[in-house]
Amino acid sequence: MDLSLPGMIGAAFGLAIGWVDFKMLGGLVRAKFLQKRRDVGLADHPNTEKMADWIQAAIFIFTIGLFPIIGYWAGISLTGR
């Protein structure tokens, strides 16, 4: 499989968008999760921080893994190569 320059540029843009999305979405979801745990009185539970880390890791894998693939596909599709 040959890698095309437009596809690689699209993947770079996808990676940048994925990173920004991860920072925004990951922070928002983590804050909401921790707030809900505090509201129910589970803020000091030992699994609260661990679960928040797992949620943020899943968001990281999704955004950083998927956005460059979509960007590569979009770059190839828009240029016809």
PDB file of N, CA and C in Angstrom:
ATOM      1  N   MET A   1       0.846  -1.172   0.000  1.00  0.00           N
ATOM      2  CA  MET A   1       0.000   0.000   0.000  1.00  0.00           C
ATOM      3  C   MET A   1       0.897   1.242   0.000  1.00  0.00           C
ATOM      4  N   ASP A   2       0.666   2.100  -0.949  1.00  0.00           N
ATOM      5  CA  ASP A   2       1.433   3.339  -1.046  1.00  0.00           C
ATOM      6  C   ASP A   2       0.756   4.421  -0.221  1.00  0.00           C
ATOM      7  N   LEU A   3       1.572   5.162   0.505  1.00  0.00           N
ATOM      8  CA  LEU A   3       1.046   6.284   1.273  1.00  0.00           C
ATOM      9  C   LEU A   3       1.099   7.528   0.405  1.00  0.00           C
ATOM     10  N   SER A   4       0.001   8.242   0.364  1.00  0.00           N
ATOM     11  CA  SER A   4      -0.043   9.443  -0.467  1.00  0.00           C
ATOM     12  C   SER A   4       0.206  10.682   0.391  1.00  0.00           C
ATOM     13  N   LEU A   5       0.780  11.689  -0.227  1.00  0.00           N
ATOM     14  CA  LEU A   5       1.058  12.931   0.480  1.00  0.00           C
ATOM     15  C   LEU A   5      -0.229  13.612   0.954  1.00  0.00           C
ATOM     16  N   PRO A   6      -1.274  13.720   0.121  1.00  0.00           N
ATOM     17  CA  PRO A   6      -2.512  14.325   0.631  1.00  0.00           C
ATOM     18  C   PRO A   6      -3.108  13.538   1.799  1.00  0.00           C
ATOM     19  N   GLY A   7      -2.974  12.227   1.741  1.00  0.00           N
ATOM     20  CA  GLY A   7      -3.470  11.411   2.843  1.00  0.00           C
ATOM     21  C   GLY A   7      -2.696  11.652   4.123  1.00  0.00           C
ATOM     22  N   MET A   8      -1.380  11.781   4.002  1.00  0.00           N
ATOM     23  CA  MET A   8      -0.554  12.028   5.187  1.00  0.00           C
ATOM     24  C   MET A   8      -0.813  13.420   5.772  1.00  0.00           C
ATOM     25  N   ILE A   9      -1.043  14.396   4.912  1.00  0.00           N
ATOM     26  CA  ILE A   9      -1.394  15.731   5.397  1.00  0.00           C
ATOM     27  C   ILE A   9      -2.744  15.690   6.111  1.00  0.00           C
ATOM     28  N   GLY A  10      -3.687  14.967   5.528  1.00  0.00           N
ATOM     29  CA  GLY A  10      -4.990  14.801   6.181  1.00  0.00           C
ATOM     30  C   GLY A  10      -4.862  14.085   7.512  1.00  0.00           C
ATOM     31  N   ALA A  11      -3.980  13.088   7.594  1.00  0.00           N
ATOM     32  CA  ALA A  11      -3.763  12.387   8.850  1.00  0.00           C
ATOM     33  C   ALA A  11      -3.144  13.303   9.898  1.00  0.00           C
ATOM     34  N   ALA A  12      -2.247  14.192   9.469  1.00  0.00           N
ATOM     35  CA  ALA A  12      -1.644  15.147  10.404  1.00  0.00           C
ATOM     36  C   ALA A  12      -2.707  16.108  10.941  1.00  0.00           C
ATOM     37  N   PHE A  13      -3.572  16.583  10.053  1.00  0.00           N
ATOM     38  CA  PHE A  13      -4.671  17.439  10.511  1.00  0.00           C
ATOM     39  C   PHE A  13      -5.606  16.658  11.445  1.00  0.00           C
ATOM     40  N   GLY A  14      -5.873  15.414  11.095  1.00  0.00           N
ATOM     41  CA  GLY A  14      -6.713  14.573  11.945  1.00  0.00           C
ATOM     42  C   GLY A  14      -6.108  14.362  13.321  1.00  0.00           C
ATOM     43  N   LEU A  15      -4.790  14.183  13.378  1.00  0.00           N
ATOM     44  CA  LEU A  15      -4.116  14.019  14.654  1.00  0.00           C
ATOM     45  C   LEU A  15      -4.221  15.287  15.496  1.00  0.00           C
ATOM     46  N   ALA A  16      -4.042  16.437  14.858  1.00  0.00           N
ATOM     47  CA  ALA A  16      -4.157  17.700  15.582  1.00  0.00           C
ATOM     48  C   ALA A  16      -5.583  17.909  16.099  1.00  0.00           C
ATOM     49  N   ILE A  17      -6.562  17.629  15.274  1.00  0.00           N
ATOM     50  CA  ILE A  17      -7.961  17.763  15.698  1.00  0.00           C
ATOM     51  C   ILE A  17      -8.280  16.754  16.789  1.00  0.00           C
ATOM     52  N   GLY A  18      -7.746  15.535  16.660  1.00  0.00           N
ATOM     53  CA  GLY A  18      -7.961  14.522  17.685  1.00  0.00           C
ATOM     54  C   GLY A  18      -7.358  14.923  19.012  1.00  0.00           C
ATOM     55  N   TRP A  19      -6.176  15.534  18.997  1.00  0.00           N
ATOM     56  CA  TRP A  19      -5.534  15.970  20.235  1.00  0.00           C
ATOM     57  C   TRP A  19      -6.369  17.066  20.914  1.00  0.00           C
ATOM     58  N   VAL A  20      -6.827  18.030  20.142  1.00  0.00           N
ATOM     59  CA  VAL A  20      -7.653  19.105  20.705  1.00  0.00           C
ATOM     60  C   VAL A  20      -8.965  18.532  21.245  1.00  0.00           C
ATOM     61  N   ASP A  21      -9.558  17.620  20.501  1.00  0.00           N
ATOM     62  CA  ASP A  21     -10.802  16.997  20.935  1.00  0.00           C
ATOM     63  C   ASP A  21     -10.588  16.197  22.211  1.00  0.00           C
ATOM     64  N   PHE A  22      -9.471  15.478  22.302  1.00  0.00           N
ATOM     65  CA  PHE A  22      -9.166  14.714  23.509  1.00  0.00           C
ATOM     66  C   PHE A  22      -9.029  15.634  24.709  1.00  0.00           C
ATOM     67  N   LYS A  23      -8.333  16.742  24.548  1.00  0.00           N
ATOM     68  CA  LYS A  23      -8.138  17.659  25.667  1.00  0.00           C
ATOM     69  C   LYS A  23      -9.474  18.245  26.136  1.00  0.00           C
ATOM     70  N   MET A  24     -10.325  18.621  25.197  1.00  0.00           N
ATOM     71  CA  MET A  24     -11.612  19.201  25.572  1.00  0.00           C
ATOM     72  C   MET A  24     -12.562  18.146  26.123  1.00  0.00           C
ATOM     73  N   LEU A  25     -12.773  17.087  25.360  1.00  0.00           N
ATOM     74  CA  LEU A  25     -13.732  16.058  25.745  1.00  0.00           C
ATOM     75  C   LEU A  25     -13.255  15.284  26.969  1.00  0.00           C
ATOM     76  N   GLY A  26     -11.970  14.956  27.017  1.00  0.00           N
ATOM     77  CA  GLY A  26     -11.435  14.217  28.153  1.00  0.00           C
ATOM     78  C   GLY A  26     -11.549  14.997  29.447  1.00  0.00           C
ATOM     79  N   GLY A  27     -11.224  16.264  29.410  1.00  0.00           N
ATOM     80  CA  GLY A  27     -11.340  17.092  30.611  1.00  0.00           C
ATOM     81  C   GLY A  27     -12.775  17.275  31.054  1.00  0.00           C
ATOM     82  N   LEU A  28     -13.663  17.469  30.100  1.00  0.00           N
ATOM     83  CA  LEU A  28     -15.069  17.660  30.418  1.00  0.00           C
ATOM     84  C   LEU A  28     -15.691  16.399  31.024  1.00  0.00           C
ATOM     85  N   VAL A  29     -15.440  15.254  30.394  1.00  0.00           N
ATOM     86  CA  VAL A  29     -16.013  14.001  30.888  1.00  0.00           C
ATOM     87  C   VAL A  29     -15.428  13.640  32.249  1.00  0.00           C
ATOM     88  N   ARG A  30     -14.115  13.837  32.428  1.00  0.00           N
ATOM     89  CA  ARG A  30     -13.483  13.540  33.715  1.00  0.00           C
ATOM     90  C   ARG A  30     -14.059  14.419  34.828  1.00  0.00           C
ATOM     91  N   ALA A  31     -14.218  15.707  34.546  1.00  0.00           N
ATOM     92  CA  ALA A  31     -14.757  16.621  35.556  1.00  0.00           C
ATOM     93  C   ALA A  31     -16.197  16.254  35.916  1.00  0.00           C
ATOM     94  N   LYS A  32     -17.013  15.919  34.911  1.00  0.00           N
ATOM     95  CA  LYS A  32     -18.403  15.523  35.180  1.00  0.00           C
ATOM     96  C   LYS A  32     -18.452  14.232  35.990  1.00  0.00           C
ATOM     97  N   PHE A  33     -17.600  13.266  35.644  1.00  0.00           N
ATOM     98  CA  PHE A  33     -17.575  11.998  36.367  1.00  0.00           C
ATOM     99  C   PHE A  33     -17.186  12.217  37.831  1.00  0.00           C
ATOM    100  N   LEU A  34     -16.131  13.002  38.056  1.00  0.00           N
ATOM    101  CA  LEU A  34     -15.695  13.251  39.428  1.00  0.00           C
ATOM    102  C   LEU A  34     -16.738  14.050  40.206  1.00  0.00           C
ATOM    103  N   GLN A  35     -17.418  14.981  39.547  1.00  0.00           N
ATOM    104  CA  GLN A  35     -18.471  15.754  40.215  1.00  0.00           C
ATOM    105  C   GLN A  35     -19.626  14.853  40.630  1.00  0.00           C
ATOM    106  N   LYS A  36     -20.046  13.948  39.761  1.00  0.00           N
ATOM    107  CA  LYS A  36     -21.134  13.025  40.098  1.00  0.00           C
ATOM    108  C   LYS A  36     -20.737  12.115  41.256  1.00  0.00           C
ATOM    109  N   ARG A  37     -19.470  11.674  41.268  1.00  0.00           N
ATOM    110  CA  ARG A  37     -19.001  10.828  42.370  1.00  0.00           C
ATOM    111  C   ARG A  37     -18.980  11.609  43.687  1.00  0.00           C
ATOM    112  N   ARG A  38     -18.612  12.894  43.608  1.00  0.00           N
ATOM    113  CA  ARG A  38     -18.627  13.728  44.819  1.00  0.00           C
ATOM    114  C   ARG A  38     -20.049  13.938  45.321  1.00  0.00           C
ATOM    115  N   ASP A  39     -20.980  14.118  44.383  1.00  0.00           N
ATOM    116  CA  ASP A  39     -22.378  14.360  44.769  1.00  0.00           C
ATOM    117  C   ASP A  39     -22.981  13.179  45.512  1.00  0.00           C
ATOM    118  N   VAL A  40     -22.556  11.953  45.167  1.00  0.00           N
ATOM    119  CA  VAL A  40     -23.099  10.772  45.839  1.00  0.00           C
ATOM    120  C   VAL A  40     -22.261  10.366  47.041  1.00  0.00           C
ATOM    121  N   GLY A  41     -21.186  11.072  47.306  1.00  0.00           N
ATOM    122  CA  GLY A  41     -20.367  10.776  48.471  1.00  0.00           C
ATOM    123  C   GLY A  41     -19.281   9.742  48.230  1.00  0.00           C
ATOM    124  N   LEU A  42     -18.932   9.503  46.995  1.00  0.00           N
ATOM    125  CA  LEU A  42     -17.912   8.507  46.678  1.00  0.00           C
ATOM    126  C   LEU A  42     -16.602   9.136  46.217  1.00  0.00           C
ATOM    127  N   ALA A  43     -16.375  10.376  46.573  1.00  0.00           N
ATOM    128  CA  ALA A  43     -15.162  11.063  46.125  1.00  0.00           C
ATOM    129  C   ALA A  43     -13.911  10.436  46.710  1.00  0.00           C
ATOM    130  N   ASP A  44     -14.003   9.875  47.918  1.00  0.00           N
ATOM    131  CA  ASP A  44     -12.832   9.288  48.567  1.00  0.00           C
ATOM    132  C   ASP A  44     -12.680   7.800  48.297  1.00  0.00           C
ATOM    133  N   HIS A  45     -13.562   7.247  47.496  1.00  0.00           N
ATOM    134  CA  HIS A  45     -13.461   5.819  47.165  1.00  0.00           C
ATOM    135  C   HIS A  45     -12.184   5.576  46.364  1.00  0.00           C
ATOM    136  N   PRO A  46     -11.454   4.491  46.664  1.00  0.00           N
ATOM    137  CA  PRO A  46     -10.168   4.275  45.975  1.00  0.00           C
ATOM    138  C   PRO A  46     -10.289   4.066  44.466  1.00  0.00           C
ATOM    139  N   ASN A  47     -11.419   3.634  43.985  1.00  0.00           N
ATOM    140  CA  ASN A  47     -11.565   3.385  42.556  1.00  0.00           C
ATOM    141  C   ASN A  47     -12.014   4.605  41.767  1.00  0.00           C
ATOM    142  N   THR A  48     -12.322   5.694  42.426  1.00  0.00           N
ATOM    143  CA  THR A  48     -12.819   6.878  41.729  1.00  0.00           C
ATOM    144  C   THR A  48     -11.772   7.434  40.761  1.00  0.00           C
ATOM    145  N   GLU A  49     -10.572   7.680  41.237  1.00  0.00           N
ATOM    146  CA  GLU A  49      -9.518   8.213  40.373  1.00  0.00           C
ATOM    147  C   GLU A  49      -9.110   7.198  39.309  1.00  0.00           C
ATOM    148  N   LYS A  50      -9.078   5.919  39.678  1.00  0.00           N
ATOM    149  CA  LYS A  50      -8.691   4.879  38.721  1.00  0.00           C
ATOM    150  C   LYS A  50      -9.701   4.805  37.580  1.00  0.00           C
ATOM    151  N   MET A  51     -10.977   4.873  37.903  1.00  0.00           N
ATOM    152  CA  MET A  51     -12.014   4.816  36.874  1.00  0.00           C
ATOM    153  C   MET A  51     -11.969   6.063  35.998  1.00  0.00           C
ATOM    154  N   ALA A  52     -11.708   7.222  36.598  1.00  0.00           N
ATOM    155  CA  ALA A  52     -11.586   8.454  35.814  1.00  0.00           C
ATOM    156  C   ALA A  52     -10.403   8.361  34.850  1.00  0.00           C
ATOM    157  N   ASP A  53      -9.304   7.754  35.310  1.00  0.00           N
ATOM    158  CA  ASP A  53      -8.144   7.561  34.429  1.00  0.00           C
ATOM    159  C   ASP A  53      -8.468   6.616  33.285  1.00  0.00           C
ATOM    160  N   TRP A  54      -9.216   5.546  33.556  1.00  0.00           N
ATOM    161  CA  TRP A  54      -9.600   4.591  32.509  1.00  0.00           C
ATOM    162  C   TRP A  54     -10.515   5.242  31.473  1.00  0.00           C
ATOM    163  N   ILE A  55     -11.435   6.058  31.936  1.00  0.00           N
ATOM    164  CA  ILE A  55     -12.336   6.757  31.018  1.00  0.00           C
ATOM    165  C   ILE A  55     -11.544   7.702  30.117  1.00  0.00           C
ATOM    166  N   GLN A  56     -10.614   8.433  30.722  1.00  0.00           N
ATOM    167  CA  GLN A  56      -9.816   9.364  29.944  1.00  0.00           C
ATOM    168  C   GLN A  56      -8.896   8.618  28.967  1.00  0.00           C
ATOM    169  N   ALA A  57      -8.383   7.463  29.363  1.00  0.00           N
ATOM    170  CA  ALA A  57      -7.551   6.668  28.455  1.00  0.00           C
ATOM    171  C   ALA A  57      -8.363   6.152  27.268  1.00  0.00           C
ATOM    172  N   ALA A  58      -9.600   5.750  27.514  1.00  0.00           N
ATOM    173  CA  ALA A  58     -10.463   5.282  26.423  1.00  0.00           C
ATOM    174  C   ALA A  58     -10.753   6.418  25.447  1.00  0.00           C
ATOM    175  N   ILE A  59     -10.990   7.601  25.957  1.00  0.00           N
ATOM    176  CA  ILE A  59     -11.225   8.757  25.093  1.00  0.00           C
ATOM    177  C   ILE A  59      -9.967   9.075  24.294  1.00  0.00           C
ATOM    178  N   PHE A  60      -8.794   8.955  24.921  1.00  0.00           N
ATOM    179  CA  PHE A  60      -7.525   9.199  24.230  1.00  0.00           C
ATOM    180  C   PHE A  60      -7.338   8.218  23.075  1.00  0.00           C
ATOM    181  N   ILE A  61      -7.549   6.946  23.333  1.00  0.00           N
ATOM    182  CA  ILE A  61      -7.377   5.924  22.299  1.00  0.00           C
ATOM    183  C   ILE A  61      -8.359   6.148  21.153  1.00  0.00           C
ATOM    184  N   PHE A  62      -9.588   6.494  21.488  1.00  0.00           N
ATOM    185  CA  PHE A  62     -10.602   6.723  20.461  1.00  0.00           C
ATOM    186  C   PHE A  62     -10.248   7.923  19.584  1.00  0.00           C
ATOM    187  N   THR A  63      -9.920   9.050  20.207  1.00  0.00           N
ATOM    188  CA  THR A  63      -9.688  10.269  19.422  1.00  0.00           C
ATOM    189  C   THR A  63      -8.352  10.233  18.691  1.00  0.00           C
ATOM    190  N   ILE A  64      -7.292   9.830  19.363  1.00  0.00           N
ATOM    191  CA  ILE A  64      -5.975   9.824  18.734  1.00  0.00           C
ATOM    192  C   ILE A  64      -5.859   8.682  17.729  1.00  0.00           C
ATOM    193  N   GLY A  65      -6.608   7.612  17.932  1.00  0.00           N
ATOM    194  CA  GLY A  65      -6.551   6.493  17.008  1.00  0.00           C
ATOM    195  C   GLY A  65      -7.441   6.656  15.799  1.00  0.00           C
ATOM    196  N   LEU A  66      -8.586   7.276  15.979  1.00  0.00           N
ATOM    197  CA  LEU A  66      -9.573   7.322  14.902  1.00  0.00           C
ATOM    198  C   LEU A  66      -9.462   8.576  14.029  1.00  0.00           C
ATOM    199  N   PHE A  67      -9.160   9.706  14.602  1.00  0.00           N
ATOM    200  CA  PHE A  67      -9.140  10.951  13.834  1.00  0.00           C
ATOM    201  C   PHE A  67      -8.071  10.967  12.738  1.00  0.00           C
ATOM    202  N   PRO A  68      -6.853  10.459  12.968  1.00  0.00           N
ATOM    203  CA  PRO A  68      -5.897  10.421  11.849  1.00  0.00           C
ATOM    204  C   PRO A  68      -6.339   9.502  10.711  1.00  0.00           C
ATOM    205  N   ILE A  69      -7.023   8.424  11.033  1.00  0.00           N
ATOM    206  CA  ILE A  69      -7.528   7.527   9.981  1.00  0.00           C
ATOM    207  C   ILE A  69      -8.580   8.243   9.151  1.00  0.00           C
ATOM    208  N   ILE A  70      -9.478   8.935   9.815  1.00  0.00           N
ATOM    209  CA  ILE A  70     -10.503   9.711   9.103  1.00  0.00           C
ATOM    210  C   ILE A  70      -9.853  10.819   8.283  1.00  0.00           C
ATOM    211  N   GLY A  71      -8.823  11.477   8.845  1.00  0.00           N
ATOM    212  CA  GLY A  71      -8.112  12.527   8.121  1.00  0.00           C
ATOM    213  C   GLY A  71      -7.397  11.996   6.899  1.00  0.00           C
ATOM    214  N   TYR A  72      -6.795  10.828   7.016  1.00  0.00           N
ATOM    215  CA  TYR A  72      -6.117  10.210   5.863  1.00  0.00           C
ATOM    216  C   TYR A  72      -7.125   9.896   4.763  1.00  0.00           C
ATOM    217  N   TRP A  73      -8.231   9.303   5.163  1.00  0.00           N
ATOM    218  CA  TRP A  73      -9.275   8.979   4.192  1.00  0.00           C
ATOM    219  C   TRP A  73      -9.823  10.247   3.529  1.00  0.00           C
ATOM    220  N   ALA A  74     -10.033  11.303   4.325  1.00  0.00           N
ATOM    221  CA  ALA A  74     -10.549  12.553   3.762  1.00  0.00           C
ATOM    222  C   ALA A  74      -9.538  13.173   2.796  1.00  0.00           C
ATOM    223  N   GLY A  75      -8.251  13.129   3.145  1.00  0.00           N
ATOM    224  CA  GLY A  75      -7.232  13.665   2.250  1.00  0.00           C
ATOM    225  C   GLY A  75      -7.176  12.928   0.930  1.00  0.00           C
ATOM    226  N   ILE A  76      -7.289  11.622   0.967  1.00  0.00           N
ATOM    227  CA  ILE A  76      -7.284  10.842  -0.259  1.00  0.00           C
ATOM    228  C   ILE A  76      -8.552  11.108  -1.069  1.00  0.00           C
ATOM    229  N   SER A  77      -9.688  11.178  -0.386  1.00  0.00           N
ATOM    230  CA  SER A  77     -10.966  11.376  -1.070  1.00  0.00           C
ATOM    231  C   SER A  77     -11.061  12.734  -1.741  1.00  0.00           C
ATOM    232  N   LEU A  78     -10.551  13.759  -1.070  1.00  0.00           N
ATOM    233  CA  LEU A  78     -10.663  15.109  -1.627  1.00  0.00           C
ATOM    234  C   LEU A  78      -9.752  15.319  -2.826  1.00  0.00           C
ATOM    235  N   THR A  79      -8.620  14.625  -2.866  1.00  0.00           N
ATOM    236  CA  THR A  79      -7.697  14.824  -3.975  1.00  0.00           C
ATOM    237  C   THR A  79      -7.871  13.791  -5.081  1.00  0.00           C
ATOM    238  N   GLY A  80      -8.554  12.713  -4.791  1.00  0.00           N
ATOM    239  CA  GLY A  80      -8.781  11.693  -5.790  1.00  0.00           C
ATOM    240  C   GLY A  80      -7.602  10.773  -6.011  1.00  0.00           C
ATOM    241  N   ARG A  81      -6.701  10.699  -5.051  1.00  0.00           N
ATOM    242  CA  ARG A  81      -5.516   9.838  -5.215  1.00  0.00           C
ATOM    243  C   ARG A  81      -5.607   8.642  -4.348  1.00  0.00           C
TER     244      ARG A  81
END
